[in-house]
Amino acid sequence: MDKQTISGYRLIIAYLGVFMILIGLIVMIPLGVVAFWPEELAYASYFLIPGLSSIGLGSLIVFLYRKKEKGNLERNQDAILVVLIWMLAIFVSSFPFLMSRTYNKAQASLEATSGFHDRFDGHPSISKRLPASLCC
């Protein structure tokens, strides 16, 4: 039985599944502080829920396309894939901020995009409300 070759938007979705797994793993990296600061365990769900959701959805996509031959990306599809990966990474990594209820959607997206610029030094009112694993 020959494998069906996928291309076009299906190929982009198949690649997005792999990157969703990676994004989920990256979002869960802050859980490593729990070993050193056990009091931060209360905030673990802020990272587990979006991380595991991304891993689960990515795994489902990878599972659906597992027996299909991957074709080559066509013209400009690589750029579309990169943009979608960045948008997905920003979307998933903004959830810990949203779940902490200290940011609205725009602020959470900005923080996820900026990569914790200046570690909240300019915002003492915000840094006092955030868990230590998110700010200082």
Protein backbone atom coordinates (compact mmCIF):
# COMPACT_ATOMS: atom_id res chain seq x y z
CA MET A 1 0.00 0.00 0.00
CA ASP A 2 1.49 3.33 -1.08
CA LYS A 3 1.52 6.27 1.25
CA GLN A 4 -0.61 9.22 0.23
CA THR A 5 1.48 12.36 -0.33
CA ILE A 6 0.18 15.50 1.31
CA SER A 7 0.85 19.04 0.12
CA GLY A 8 -0.63 22.50 0.36
CA TYR A 9 -2.51 23.52 3.47
CA ARG A 10 -2.59 19.93 4.74
CA LEU A 11 1.20 19.88 4.77
CA ILE A 12 1.25 23.18 6.68
CA ILE A 13 -1.18 21.72 9.25
CA ALA A 14 0.98 18.60 9.61
CA TYR A 15 4.05 20.73 10.33
CA LEU A 16 2.06 22.91 12.73
CA GLY A 17 1.23 19.78 14.73
CA VAL A 18 4.91 19.12 15.34
CA PHE A 19 5.53 22.72 16.35
CA MET A 20 2.50 22.70 18.67
CA ILE A 21 4.17 19.89 20.62
CA LEU A 22 7.40 21.91 20.84
CA ILE A 23 5.55 25.07 21.89
CA GLY A 24 3.73 23.12 24.61
CA LEU A 25 7.02 21.82 25.96
CA ILE A 26 8.53 25.30 25.95
CA VAL A 27 5.53 26.76 27.79
CA MET A 28 6.01 24.18 30.55
CA ILE A 29 9.70 25.02 31.15
CA PRO A 30 8.85 27.40 34.06
CA LEU A 31 7.51 24.38 35.97
CA GLY A 32 11.14 23.60 36.76
CA VAL A 33 11.12 26.28 39.48
CA VAL A 34 8.75 24.18 41.58
CA ALA A 35 11.69 22.02 42.62
CA PHE A 36 13.42 25.07 44.10
CA TRP A 37 10.39 27.10 45.21
CA PRO A 38 7.65 24.67 46.29
CA GLU A 39 5.38 27.60 47.21
CA GLU A 40 5.04 28.24 43.45
CA LEU A 41 3.17 24.94 43.02
CA ALA A 42 -0.12 26.88 43.23
CA TYR A 43 0.71 28.43 39.86
CA ALA A 44 1.64 25.20 38.09
CA SER A 45 -1.76 24.91 36.41
CA TYR A 46 -1.12 28.24 34.64
CA PHE A 47 1.58 26.45 32.66
CA LEU A 48 0.29 22.88 32.65
CA ILE A 49 -3.09 23.60 31.09
CA PRO A 50 -1.88 25.53 28.02
CA GLY A 51 1.25 23.37 27.69
CA LEU A 52 -0.56 20.04 27.82
CA SER A 53 -3.37 21.36 25.61
CA SER A 54 -0.87 22.37 22.96
CA ILE A 55 0.96 19.05 23.23
CA GLY A 56 -2.33 17.13 23.05
CA LEU A 57 -3.67 18.97 20.02
CA GLY A 58 -0.29 18.78 18.29
CA SER A 59 -0.08 15.05 19.00
CA LEU A 60 -3.57 14.55 17.54
CA ILE A 61 -2.55 16.35 14.35
CA VAL A 62 0.68 14.36 14.10
CA PHE A 63 -1.30 11.15 14.68
CA LEU A 64 -3.76 12.01 11.90
CA TYR A 65 -0.95 12.62 9.40
CA ARG A 66 1.45 9.89 10.61
CA LYS A 67 1.00 7.50 7.67
CA LYS A 68 1.10 10.13 4.99
CA GLU A 69 4.14 11.02 2.93
CA LYS A 70 5.15 14.65 3.40
CA GLY A 71 5.57 16.55 0.15
CA ASN A 72 7.63 19.70 -0.32
CA LEU A 73 6.39 23.11 0.69
CA GLU A 74 5.37 25.12 -2.32
CA ARG A 75 6.21 28.73 -3.04
CA ASN A 76 5.67 31.04 -0.04
CA GLN A 77 4.25 28.26 2.13
CA ASP A 78 7.36 28.33 4.30
CA ALA A 79 6.66 31.99 5.11
CA ILE A 80 3.04 31.17 5.92
CA LEU A 81 4.21 28.36 8.19
CA VAL A 82 6.64 30.62 10.08
CA VAL A 83 3.98 33.29 10.61
CA LEU A 84 1.48 30.68 11.85
CA ILE A 85 4.07 29.20 14.22
CA TRP A 86 4.81 32.62 15.72
CA MET A 87 1.10 33.39 16.09
CA LEU A 88 0.50 30.03 17.73
CA ALA A 89 3.47 30.46 20.07
CA ILE A 90 2.25 33.90 21.16
CA PHE A 91 -1.31 32.61 21.62
CA VAL A 92 -0.33 29.59 23.73
CA SER A 93 2.30 31.41 25.80
CA SER A 94 -0.11 34.23 26.68
CA PHE A 95 -2.38 31.86 28.61
CA PRO A 96 -0.31 31.76 31.83
CA PHE A 97 -0.70 35.55 32.02
CA LEU A 98 -4.42 35.38 31.29
CA MET A 99 -4.96 32.64 33.85
CA SER A 100 -3.19 34.67 36.52
CA ARG A 101 -5.85 37.36 35.98
CA THR A 102 -3.27 40.15 36.18
CA TYR A 103 -3.41 40.99 32.47
CA ASN A 104 -6.08 41.50 29.86
CA LYS A 105 -5.79 39.82 26.44
CA ALA A 106 -3.77 42.60 24.84
CA GLN A 107 -1.31 42.85 27.74
CA ALA A 108 -0.89 39.08 27.93
CA SER A 109 -0.19 38.89 24.20
CA LEU A 110 2.32 41.72 24.47
CA GLU A 111 4.13 40.03 27.37
CA ALA A 112 4.23 36.72 25.51
CA THR A 113 5.61 38.52 22.46
CA SER A 114 8.15 40.69 24.24
CA GLY A 115 9.70 37.92 26.30
CA PHE A 116 9.38 39.59 29.71
CA HIS A 117 11.14 42.78 28.70
CA ASP A 118 12.92 44.38 31.68
CA ARG A 119 11.41 41.80 34.05
CA PHE A 120 8.56 44.17 35.01
CA ASP A 121 11.02 46.65 36.59
CA GLY A 122 8.94 49.57 35.40
CA HIS A 123 5.72 48.15 36.79
CA PRO A 124 6.02 47.63 40.56
CA SER A 125 2.25 47.33 40.99
CA ILE A 126 2.17 44.42 38.54
CA SER A 127 5.26 42.63 39.85
CA LYS A 128 3.85 42.59 43.39
CA ARG A 129 0.81 40.65 42.20
CA LEU A 130 2.65 38.07 40.08
CA PRO A 131 4.21 34.86 41.35
CA ALA A 132 8.00 34.93 41.60
CA SER A 133 8.32 32.39 38.77
CA LEU A 134 6.75 34.89 36.36
CA CYS A 135 8.69 38.01 37.19
CA CYS A 136 11.77 38.46 39.27
